[in-house]
PDB file of N, CA and C in Angstrom:
ATOM      1  N   MET A   1       4.119  12.511  -1.618  1.00  0.00           N
ATOM      2  CA  MET A   1       4.525  11.358  -0.841  1.00  0.00           C
ATOM      3  C   MET A   1       4.174  11.603   0.617  1.00  0.00           C
ATOM      4  N   ILE A   2       3.606  10.580   1.230  1.00  0.00           N
ATOM      5  CA  ILE A   2       3.347  10.586   2.661  1.00  0.00           C
ATOM      6  C   ILE A   2       4.080   9.377   3.224  1.00  0.00           C
ATOM      7  N   ARG A   3       5.111   9.620   3.993  1.00  0.00           N
ATOM      8  CA  ARG A   3       5.937   8.540   4.529  1.00  0.00           C
ATOM      9  C   ARG A   3       5.406   8.099   5.892  1.00  0.00           C
ATOM     10  N   ASP A   4       5.306   6.780   6.066  1.00  0.00           N
ATOM     11  CA  ASP A   4       4.934   6.196   7.349  1.00  0.00           C
ATOM     12  C   ASP A   4       6.221   5.749   8.035  1.00  0.00           C
ATOM     13  N   GLU A   5       6.674   6.515   8.987  1.00  0.00           N
ATOM     14  CA  GLU A   5       7.947   6.230   9.664  1.00  0.00           C
ATOM     15  C   GLU A   5       7.873   5.004  10.573  1.00  0.00           C
ATOM     16  N   GLU A   6       6.677   4.685  11.078  1.00  0.00           N
ATOM     17  CA  GLU A   6       6.520   3.526  11.948  1.00  0.00           C
ATOM     18  C   GLU A   6       6.387   2.243  11.154  1.00  0.00           C
ATOM     19  N   GLY A   7       5.532   2.252  10.152  1.00  0.00           N
ATOM     20  CA  GLY A   7       5.306   1.069   9.347  1.00  0.00           C
ATOM     21  C   GLY A   7       4.611  -0.040  10.112  1.00  0.00           C
ATOM     22  N   ILE A   8       4.535  -1.188   9.464  1.00  0.00           N
ATOM     23  CA  ILE A   8       3.928  -2.373  10.062  1.00  0.00           C
ATOM     24  C   ILE A   8       4.900  -3.522   9.833  1.00  0.00           C
ATOM     25  N   LEU A   9       5.307  -4.191  10.887  1.00  0.00           N
ATOM     26  CA  LEU A   9       6.218  -5.319  10.783  1.00  0.00           C
ATOM     27  C   LEU A   9       5.402  -6.587  10.564  1.00  0.00           C
ATOM     28  N   VAL A  10       5.712  -7.308   9.480  1.00  0.00           N
ATOM     29  CA  VAL A  10       4.995  -8.544   9.156  1.00  0.00           C
ATOM     30  C   VAL A  10       5.997  -9.667   8.890  1.00  0.00           C
ATOM     31  N   SER A  11       5.480 -10.884   8.829  1.00  0.00           N
ATOM     32  CA  SER A  11       6.345 -12.058   8.702  1.00  0.00           C
ATOM     33  C   SER A  11       6.800 -12.352   7.275  1.00  0.00           C
ATOM     34  N   ASP A  12       5.991 -11.962   6.282  1.00  0.00           N
ATOM     35  CA  ASP A  12       6.355 -12.242   4.890  1.00  0.00           C
ATOM     36  C   ASP A  12       5.598 -11.313   3.943  1.00  0.00           C
ATOM     37  N   ILE A  13       5.893 -11.426   2.662  1.00  0.00           N
ATOM     38  CA  ILE A  13       5.297 -10.517   1.664  1.00  0.00           C
ATOM     39  C   ILE A  13       3.785 -10.693   1.566  1.00  0.00           C
ATOM     40  N   ASP A  14       3.284 -11.915   1.742  1.00  0.00           N
ATOM     41  CA  ASP A  14       1.838 -12.122   1.677  1.00  0.00           C
ATOM     42  C   ASP A  14       1.132 -11.360   2.802  1.00  0.00           C
ATOM     43  N   ALA A  15       1.710 -11.407   4.004  1.00  0.00           N
ATOM     44  CA  ALA A  15       1.137 -10.660   5.126  1.00  0.00           C
ATOM     45  C   ALA A  15       1.222  -9.160   4.863  1.00  0.00           C
ATOM     46  N   ALA A  16       2.307  -8.724   4.232  1.00  0.00           N
ATOM     47  CA  ALA A  16       2.461  -7.301   3.896  1.00  0.00           C
ATOM     48  C   ALA A  16       1.395  -6.858   2.898  1.00  0.00           C
ATOM     49  N   LEU A  17       1.115  -7.685   1.898  1.00  0.00           N
ATOM     50  CA  LEU A  17       0.092  -7.354   0.905  1.00  0.00           C
ATOM     51  C   LEU A  17      -1.289  -7.263   1.552  1.00  0.00           C
ATOM     52  N   ILE A  18      -1.589  -8.185   2.441  1.00  0.00           N
ATOM     53  CA  ILE A  18      -2.882  -8.165   3.132  1.00  0.00           C
ATOM     54  C   ILE A  18      -2.994  -6.900   3.987  1.00  0.00           C
ATOM     55  N   ALA A  19      -1.945  -6.583   4.728  1.00  0.00           N
ATOM     56  CA  ALA A  19      -1.963  -5.378   5.566  1.00  0.00           C
ATOM     57  C   ALA A  19      -2.116  -4.125   4.714  1.00  0.00           C
ATOM     58  N   ALA A  20      -1.440  -4.081   3.577  1.00  0.00           N
ATOM     59  CA  ALA A  20      -1.530  -2.914   2.694  1.00  0.00           C
ATOM     60  C   ALA A  20      -2.940  -2.752   2.142  1.00  0.00           C
ATOM     61  N   MET A  21      -3.573  -3.852   1.748  1.00  0.00           N
ATOM     62  CA  MET A  21      -4.938  -3.777   1.218  1.00  0.00           C
ATOM     63  C   MET A  21      -5.914  -3.320   2.298  1.00  0.00           C
ATOM     64  N   GLU A  22      -5.668  -3.731   3.556  1.00  0.00           N
ATOM     65  CA  GLU A  22      -6.519  -3.280   4.658  1.00  0.00           C
ATOM     66  C   GLU A  22      -6.369  -1.774   4.872  1.00  0.00           C
ATOM     67  N   VAL A  23      -5.157  -1.262   4.761  1.00  0.00           N
ATOM     68  CA  VAL A  23      -4.921   0.177   4.897  1.00  0.00           C
ATOM     69  C   VAL A  23      -5.653   0.936   3.792  1.00  0.00           C
ATOM     70  N   ILE A  24      -5.577   0.428   2.575  1.00  0.00           N
ATOM     71  CA  ILE A  24      -6.251   1.078   1.445  1.00  0.00           C
ATOM     72  C   ILE A  24      -7.764   1.085   1.667  1.00  0.00           C
ATOM     73  N   GLN A  25      -8.317  -0.029   2.151  1.00  0.00           N
ATOM     74  CA  GLN A  25      -9.759  -0.084   2.428  1.00  0.00           C
ATOM     75  C   GLN A  25     -10.149   0.955   3.481  1.00  0.00           C
ATOM     76  N   LYS A  26      -9.322   1.116   4.513  1.00  0.00           N
ATOM     77  CA  LYS A  26      -9.612   2.102   5.562  1.00  0.00           C
ATOM     78  C   LYS A  26      -9.581   3.519   4.993  1.00  0.00           C
ATOM     79  N   LEU A  27      -8.614   3.802   4.129  1.00  0.00           N
ATOM     80  CA  LEU A  27      -8.539   5.127   3.513  1.00  0.00           C
ATOM     81  C   LEU A  27      -9.790   5.411   2.698  1.00  0.00           C
ATOM     82  N   ARG A  28     -10.235   4.429   1.940  1.00  0.00           N
ATOM     83  CA  ARG A  28     -11.430   4.597   1.115  1.00  0.00           C
ATOM     84  C   ARG A  28     -12.682   4.745   1.959  1.00  0.00           C
ATOM     85  N   ALA A  29     -12.753   4.036   3.078  1.00  0.00           N
ATOM     86  CA  ALA A  29     -13.940   4.049   3.927  1.00  0.00           C
ATOM     87  C   ALA A  29     -14.109   5.376   4.663  1.00  0.00           C
ATOM     88  N   GLN A  30     -13.032   6.121   4.820  1.00  0.00           N
ATOM     89  CA  GLN A  30     -13.108   7.393   5.537  1.00  0.00           C
ATOM     90  C   GLN A  30     -14.045   8.369   4.849  1.00  0.00           C
ATOM     91  N   ASP A  31     -14.050   8.381   3.530  1.00  0.00           N
ATOM     92  CA  ASP A  31     -14.876   9.329   2.792  1.00  0.00           C
ATOM     93  C   ASP A  31     -14.969   8.877   1.343  1.00  0.00           C
ATOM     94  N   ASP A  32     -16.162   8.453   0.928  1.00  0.00           N
ATOM     95  CA  ASP A  32     -16.346   7.970  -0.439  1.00  0.00           C
ATOM     96  C   ASP A  32     -16.021   9.044  -1.471  1.00  0.00           C
ATOM     97  N   VAL A  33     -16.308  10.295  -1.160  1.00  0.00           N
ATOM     98  CA  VAL A  33     -16.074  11.389  -2.099  1.00  0.00           C
ATOM     99  C   VAL A  33     -14.587  11.565  -2.355  1.00  0.00           C
ATOM    100  N   SER A  34     -13.777  11.362  -1.322  1.00  0.00           N
ATOM    101  CA  SER A  34     -12.341  11.584  -1.483  1.00  0.00           C
ATOM    102  C   SER A  34     -11.638  10.462  -2.231  1.00  0.00           C
ATOM    103  N   ALA A  35     -12.342   9.388  -2.584  1.00  0.00           N
ATOM    104  CA  ALA A  35     -11.725   8.286  -3.315  1.00  0.00           C
ATOM    105  C   ALA A  35     -11.089   8.780  -4.611  1.00  0.00           C
ATOM    106  N   ALA A  36     -11.723   9.741  -5.265  1.00  0.00           N
ATOM    107  CA  ALA A  36     -11.175  10.287  -6.512  1.00  0.00           C
ATOM    108  C   ALA A  36      -9.861  11.022  -6.262  1.00  0.00           C
ATOM    109  N   GLU A  37      -9.702  11.558  -5.060  1.00  0.00           N
ATOM    110  CA  GLU A  37      -8.472  12.280  -4.731  1.00  0.00           C
ATOM    111  C   GLU A  37      -7.263  11.353  -4.646  1.00  0.00           C
ATOM    112  N   TRP A  38      -7.487  10.067  -4.441  1.00  0.00           N
ATOM    113  CA  TRP A  38      -6.387   9.097  -4.350  1.00  0.00           C
ATOM    114  C   TRP A  38      -5.954   8.596  -5.721  1.00  0.00           C
ATOM    115  N   GLN A  39      -6.630   9.020  -6.782  1.00  0.00           N
ATOM    116  CA  GLN A  39      -6.299   8.568  -8.130  1.00  0.00           C
ATOM    117  C   GLN A  39      -4.844   8.902  -8.444  1.00  0.00           C
ATOM    118  N   GLY A  40      -4.119   7.904  -8.887  1.00  0.00           N
ATOM    119  CA  GLY A  40      -2.714   8.085  -9.241  1.00  0.00           C
ATOM    120  C   GLY A  40      -1.751   7.842  -8.096  1.00  0.00           C
ATOM    121  N   TRP A  41      -2.267   7.703  -6.862  1.00  0.00           N
ATOM    122  CA  TRP A  41      -1.417   7.440  -5.701  1.00  0.00           C
ATOM    123  C   TRP A  41      -1.114   5.956  -5.606  1.00  0.00           C
ATOM    124  N   ARG A  42       0.001   5.619  -4.973  1.00  0.00           N
ATOM    125  CA  ARG A  42       0.402   4.233  -4.769  1.00  0.00           C
ATOM    126  C   ARG A  42       0.831   4.037  -3.319  1.00  0.00           C
ATOM    127  N   LEU A  43       0.615   2.839  -2.816  1.00  0.00           N
ATOM    128  CA  LEU A  43       1.119   2.452  -1.509  1.00  0.00           C
ATOM    129  C   LEU A  43       2.283   1.492  -1.784  1.00  0.00           C
ATOM    130  N   GLU A  44       3.448   1.837  -1.277  1.00  0.00           N
ATOM    131  CA  GLU A  44       4.632   1.015  -1.525  1.00  0.00           C
ATOM    132  C   GLU A  44       4.991   0.212  -0.280  1.00  0.00           C
ATOM    133  N   ILE A  45       5.327  -1.042  -0.503  1.00  0.00           N
ATOM    134  CA  ILE A  45       5.772  -1.938   0.555  1.00  0.00           C
ATOM    135  C   ILE A  45       7.286  -2.029   0.452  1.00  0.00           C
ATOM    136  N   THR A  46       7.956  -1.805   1.575  1.00  0.00           N
ATOM    137  CA  THR A  46       9.416  -1.861   1.572  1.00  0.00           C
ATOM    138  C   THR A  46       9.910  -2.959   2.510  1.00  0.00           C
ATOM    139  N   ASP A  47      11.133  -3.395   2.251  1.00  0.00           N
ATOM    140  CA  ASP A  47      11.755  -4.380   3.135  1.00  0.00           C
ATOM    141  C   ASP A  47      12.474  -3.655   4.273  1.00  0.00           C
ATOM    142  N   GLY A  48      13.144  -4.400   5.118  1.00  0.00           N
ATOM    143  CA  GLY A  48      13.826  -3.820   6.275  1.00  0.00           C
ATOM    144  C   GLY A  48      14.888  -2.810   5.923  1.00  0.00           C
ATOM    145  N   ALA A  49      15.443  -2.910   4.707  1.00  0.00           N
ATOM    146  CA  ALA A  49      16.485  -1.978   4.258  1.00  0.00           C
ATOM    147  C   ALA A  49      15.899  -0.744   3.574  1.00  0.00           C
ATOM    148  N   GLY A  50      14.557  -0.713   3.438  1.00  0.00           N
ATOM    149  CA  GLY A  50      13.916   0.427   2.796  1.00  0.00           C
ATOM    150  C   GLY A  50      13.721   0.272   1.299  1.00  0.00           C
ATOM    151  N   LYS A  51      14.072  -0.883   0.744  1.00  0.00           N
ATOM    152  CA  LYS A  51      13.898  -1.139  -0.691  1.00  0.00           C
ATOM    153  C   LYS A  51      12.429  -1.472  -0.974  1.00  0.00           C
ATOM    154  N   VAL A  52      11.858  -0.821  -1.995  1.00  0.00           N
ATOM    155  CA  VAL A  52      10.471  -1.081  -2.377  1.00  0.00           C
ATOM    156  C   VAL A  52      10.393  -2.465  -3.017  1.00  0.00           C
ATOM    157  N   THR A  53       9.502  -3.316  -2.460  1.00  0.00           N
ATOM    158  CA  THR A  53       9.338  -4.676  -2.984  1.00  0.00           C
ATOM    159  C   THR A  53       8.015  -4.875  -3.707  1.00  0.00           C
ATOM    160  N   GLU A  54       7.013  -4.100  -3.335  1.00  0.00           N
ATOM    161  CA  GLU A  54       5.692  -4.157  -3.977  1.00  0.00           C
ATOM    162  C   GLU A  54       5.117  -2.759  -4.012  1.00  0.00           C
ATOM    163  N   SER A  55       4.230  -2.520  -4.971  1.00  0.00           N
ATOM    164  CA  SER A  55       3.585  -1.225  -5.109  1.00  0.00           C
ATOM    165  C   SER A  55       2.125  -1.457  -5.500  1.00  0.00           C
ATOM    166  N   LEU A  56       1.194  -0.922  -4.706  1.00  0.00           N
ATOM    167  CA  LEU A  56      -0.233  -1.094  -4.972  1.00  0.00           C
ATOM    168  C   LEU A  56      -0.864   0.248  -5.309  1.00  0.00           C
ATOM    169  N   SER A  57      -1.688   0.250  -6.326  1.00  0.00           N
ATOM    170  CA  SER A  57      -2.415   1.453  -6.710  1.00  0.00           C
ATOM    171  C   SER A  57      -3.546   1.698  -5.730  1.00  0.00           C
ATOM    172  N   LEU A  58      -3.722   2.922  -5.274  1.00  0.00           N
ATOM    173  CA  LEU A  58      -4.851   3.233  -4.410  1.00  0.00           C
ATOM    174  C   LEU A  58      -6.149   3.272  -5.208  1.00  0.00           C
ATOM    175  N   ASP A  59      -6.036   3.393  -6.535  1.00  0.00           N
ATOM    176  CA  ASP A  59      -7.209   3.327  -7.407  1.00  0.00           C
ATOM    177  C   ASP A  59      -7.765   1.907  -7.422  1.00  0.00           C
ATOM    178  N   ASP A  60      -6.855   0.920  -7.493  1.00  0.00           N
ATOM    179  CA  ASP A  60      -7.226  -0.486  -7.618  1.00  0.00           C
ATOM    180  C   ASP A  60      -6.206  -1.315  -6.854  1.00  0.00           C
ATOM    181  N   PRO A  61      -6.439  -1.575  -5.557  1.00  0.00           N
ATOM    182  CA  PRO A  61      -5.448  -2.265  -4.755  1.00  0.00           C
ATOM    183  C   PRO A  61      -5.150  -3.688  -5.210  1.00  0.00           C
ATOM    184  N   LEU A  62      -6.025  -4.258  -6.040  1.00  0.00           N
ATOM    185  CA  LEU A  62      -5.746  -5.600  -6.550  1.00  0.00           C
ATOM    186  C   LEU A  62      -4.734  -5.562  -7.679  1.00  0.00           C
ATOM    187  N   SER A  63      -4.455  -4.367  -8.163  1.00  0.00           N
ATOM    188  CA  SER A  63      -3.443  -4.176  -9.191  1.00  0.00           C
ATOM    189  C   SER A  63      -2.099  -3.996  -8.494  1.00  0.00           C
ATOM    190  N   THR A  64      -1.396  -5.089  -8.326  1.00  0.00           N
ATOM    191  CA  THR A  64      -0.132  -5.084  -7.603  1.00  0.00           C
ATOM    192  C   THR A  64       1.024  -5.151  -8.584  1.00  0.00           C
ATOM    193  N   LYS A  65       1.960  -4.272  -8.421  1.00  0.00           N
ATOM    194  CA  LYS A  65       3.157  -4.302  -9.233  1.00  0.00           C
ATOM    195  C   LYS A  65       4.271  -4.922  -8.393  1.00  0.00           C
ATOM    196  N   SER A  66       4.678  -6.114  -8.776  1.00  0.00           N
ATOM    197  CA  SER A  66       5.729  -6.798  -8.030  1.00  0.00           C
ATOM    198  C   SER A  66       7.081  -6.274  -8.476  1.00  0.00           C
ATOM    199  N   LEU A  67       7.906  -5.913  -7.528  1.00  0.00           N
ATOM    200  CA  LEU A  67       9.236  -5.409  -7.820  1.00  0.00           C
ATOM    201  C   LEU A  67      10.300  -6.407  -7.372  1.00  0.00           C
ATOM    202  N   ARG A  68       9.849  -7.617  -7.039  1.00  0.00           N
ATOM    203  CA  ARG A  68      10.791  -8.659  -6.624  1.00  0.00           C
ATOM    204  C   ARG A  68      11.515  -9.200  -7.839  1.00  0.00           C
ATOM    205  N   ASP A  69      12.730  -9.669  -7.629  1.00  0.00           N
ATOM    206  CA  ASP A  69      13.520 -10.265  -8.733  1.00  0.00           C
ATOM    207  C   ASP A  69      12.951 -11.588  -9.143  1.00  0.00           C
TER     208      ASP A  69
END
């Protein structure tokens, strides 16, 4: 686990998903070879209380697991 203590403040879940996908693209762009190293990792989106609301696979960021009720 790598925790981002600062995070990104957004207006709604759609903006959070877009921001998360941009972060994943940046991670992948840093080094094509290291893309395999991210296999099995997930980027989790949390609300203001720290509850995970969405989870995106770093393998396939379009594969979103919604944790909303």
